[in-house]
Amino acid sequence: MAFKGRVEIDRERCKGCLLCVRACPTKVLAVSDTANSWGYYPAVQVAEDKCIACGNCYVVCPDVAITVYKLEGGSNA
């Protein structure tokens, strides 16, 4: 079983490039339907139960707007 995780995205820091959406292997992220104060449509987590805490979204984010958390109880066995 893979790790379980949670993604936190800073809406004000995200410029909506959506590199994270394309990098997510389990399709946890999508574009928001509401703009931030800069007028950008940031990424949002839409399927928290599918997150495996791989960190791909964190690695590709050019704005350092994403934090990935590994949740307790997950295993990589």
C-alpha atoms as a PDB file:
ATOM      1  CA  MET A   1       0.000   0.000   0.000  1.00  0.00           C
ATOM      2  CA  ALA A   2       1.246   3.483  -0.813  1.00  0.00           C
ATOM      3  CA  PHE A   3       1.547   6.350   1.632  1.00  0.00           C
ATOM      4  CA  LYS A   4      -1.481   8.516   2.244  1.00  0.00           C
ATOM      5  CA  GLY A   5      -0.993  12.233   2.048  1.00  0.00           C
ATOM      6  CA  ARG A   6      -2.453  15.681   1.985  1.00  0.00           C
ATOM      7  CA  VAL A   7      -1.536  18.659  -0.161  1.00  0.00           C
ATOM      8  CA  GLU A   8      -1.728  22.258   1.002  1.00  0.00           C
ATOM      9  CA  ILE A   9      -1.627  24.969  -1.676  1.00  0.00           C
ATOM     10  CA  ASP A  10      -1.072  28.645  -0.886  1.00  0.00           C
ATOM     11  CA  ARG A  11      -3.784  30.220  -3.078  1.00  0.00           C
ATOM     12  CA  GLU A  12      -2.156  33.658  -3.050  1.00  0.00           C
ATOM     13  CA  ARG A  13       1.268  32.356  -4.033  1.00  0.00           C
ATOM     14  CA  CYS A  14      -0.006  30.070  -6.829  1.00  0.00           C
ATOM     15  CA  LYS A  15      -0.096  31.673 -10.280  1.00  0.00           C
ATOM     16  CA  GLY A  16      -2.084  28.866 -11.884  1.00  0.00           C
ATOM     17  CA  CYS A  17       0.591  27.383 -14.144  1.00  0.00           C
ATOM     18  CA  LEU A  18      -0.902  23.929 -13.364  1.00  0.00           C
ATOM     19  CA  LEU A  19       2.422  22.097 -13.628  1.00  0.00           C
ATOM     20  CA  CYS A  20       1.416  20.338 -10.421  1.00  0.00           C
ATOM     21  CA  VAL A  21      -1.850  19.141 -11.946  1.00  0.00           C
ATOM     22  CA  ARG A  22       0.050  17.549 -14.832  1.00  0.00           C
ATOM     23  CA  ALA A  23       2.676  16.027 -12.496  1.00  0.00           C
ATOM     24  CA  CYS A  24       0.185  14.307 -10.184  1.00  0.00           C
ATOM     25  CA  PRO A  25       0.043  10.560 -10.953  1.00  0.00           C
ATOM     26  CA  THR A  26      -3.244  10.033  -9.091  1.00  0.00           C
ATOM     27  CA  LYS A  27      -5.105  13.125 -10.365  1.00  0.00           C
ATOM     28  CA  VAL A  28      -5.540  14.673  -6.927  1.00  0.00           C
ATOM     29  CA  LEU A  29      -5.214  18.274  -8.146  1.00  0.00           C
ATOM     30  CA  ALA A  30      -7.304  20.430 -10.470  1.00  0.00           C
ATOM     31  CA  VAL A  31      -7.761  24.098 -11.336  1.00  0.00           C
ATOM     32  CA  SER A  32      -9.928  26.158  -8.999  1.00  0.00           C
ATOM     33  CA  ASP A  33     -13.084  27.770 -10.316  1.00  0.00           C
ATOM     34  CA  THR A  34     -12.432  30.901  -8.232  1.00  0.00           C
ATOM     35  CA  ALA A  35      -9.605  33.370  -8.758  1.00  0.00           C
ATOM     36  CA  ASN A  36      -7.192  34.539  -6.080  1.00  0.00           C
ATOM     37  CA  SER A  37      -6.583  38.248  -5.376  1.00  0.00           C
ATOM     38  CA  TRP A  38      -4.127  38.413  -8.294  1.00  0.00           C
ATOM     39  CA  GLY A  39      -6.711  37.128 -10.756  1.00  0.00           C
ATOM     40  CA  TYR A  40      -5.065  33.718 -11.168  1.00  0.00           C
ATOM     41  CA  TYR A  41      -6.945  30.440 -10.892  1.00  0.00           C
ATOM     42  CA  PRO A  42      -4.809  28.360  -8.529  1.00  0.00           C
ATOM     43  CA  ALA A  43      -4.605  24.606  -8.214  1.00  0.00           C
ATOM     44  CA  VAL A  44      -6.749  22.923  -5.563  1.00  0.00           C
ATOM     45  CA  GLN A  45      -6.861  19.458  -4.066  1.00  0.00           C
ATOM     46  CA  VAL A  46     -10.020  17.706  -5.304  1.00  0.00           C
ATOM     47  CA  ALA A  47      -9.457  14.077  -4.271  1.00  0.00           C
ATOM     48  CA  GLU A  48      -7.676  14.005  -0.915  1.00  0.00           C
ATOM     49  CA  ASP A  49      -8.309  10.279  -0.470  1.00  0.00           C
ATOM     50  CA  LYS A  50      -6.209   9.529  -3.587  1.00  0.00           C
ATOM     51  CA  CYS A  51      -3.073  11.440  -2.498  1.00  0.00           C
ATOM     52  CA  ILE A  52      -0.026   9.178  -2.071  1.00  0.00           C
ATOM     53  CA  ALA A  53       2.318  11.934  -0.834  1.00  0.00           C
ATOM     54  CA  CYS A  54       4.709  11.381  -3.753  1.00  0.00           C
ATOM     55  CA  GLY A  55       5.806  15.035  -3.742  1.00  0.00           C
ATOM     56  CA  ASN A  56       5.753  15.463  -7.530  1.00  0.00           C
ATOM     57  CA  CYS A  57       3.581  18.575  -7.207  1.00  0.00           C
ATOM     58  CA  TYR A  58       5.966  20.105  -4.674  1.00  0.00           C
ATOM     59  CA  VAL A  59       9.003  19.449  -6.859  1.00  0.00           C
ATOM     60  CA  VAL A  60       7.597  21.038 -10.038  1.00  0.00           C
ATOM     61  CA  CYS A  61       6.011  24.111  -8.392  1.00  0.00           C
ATOM     62  CA  PRO A  62       8.028  27.173  -9.487  1.00  0.00           C
ATOM     63  CA  ASP A  63       6.348  29.363  -6.862  1.00  0.00           C
ATOM     64  CA  VAL A  64       6.974  27.146  -3.816  1.00  0.00           C
ATOM     65  CA  ALA A  65       3.235  27.289  -3.155  1.00  0.00           C
ATOM     66  CA  ILE A  66       2.752  23.616  -2.268  1.00  0.00           C
ATOM     67  CA  THR A  67       3.379  21.649   0.904  1.00  0.00           C
ATOM     68  CA  VAL A  68       2.898  17.876   0.979  1.00  0.00           C
ATOM     69  CA  TYR A  69       2.161  16.039   4.217  1.00  0.00           C
ATOM     70  CA  LYS A  70       2.466  12.301   4.807  1.00  0.00           C
ATOM     71  CA  LEU A  71      -0.389  11.149   7.010  1.00  0.00           C
ATOM     72  CA  GLU A  72      -0.008   8.750   9.922  1.00  0.00           C
ATOM     73  CA  GLY A  73      -0.964   5.152   9.307  1.00  0.00           C
ATOM     74  CA  GLY A  74       0.251   4.973   5.707  1.00  0.00           C
ATOM     75  CA  SER A  75       2.890   2.485   4.646  1.00  0.00           C
ATOM     76  CA  ASN A  76       4.979   1.804   1.599  1.00  0.00           C
ATOM     77  CA  ALA A  77       4.923  -1.991   1.955  1.00  0.00           C
END
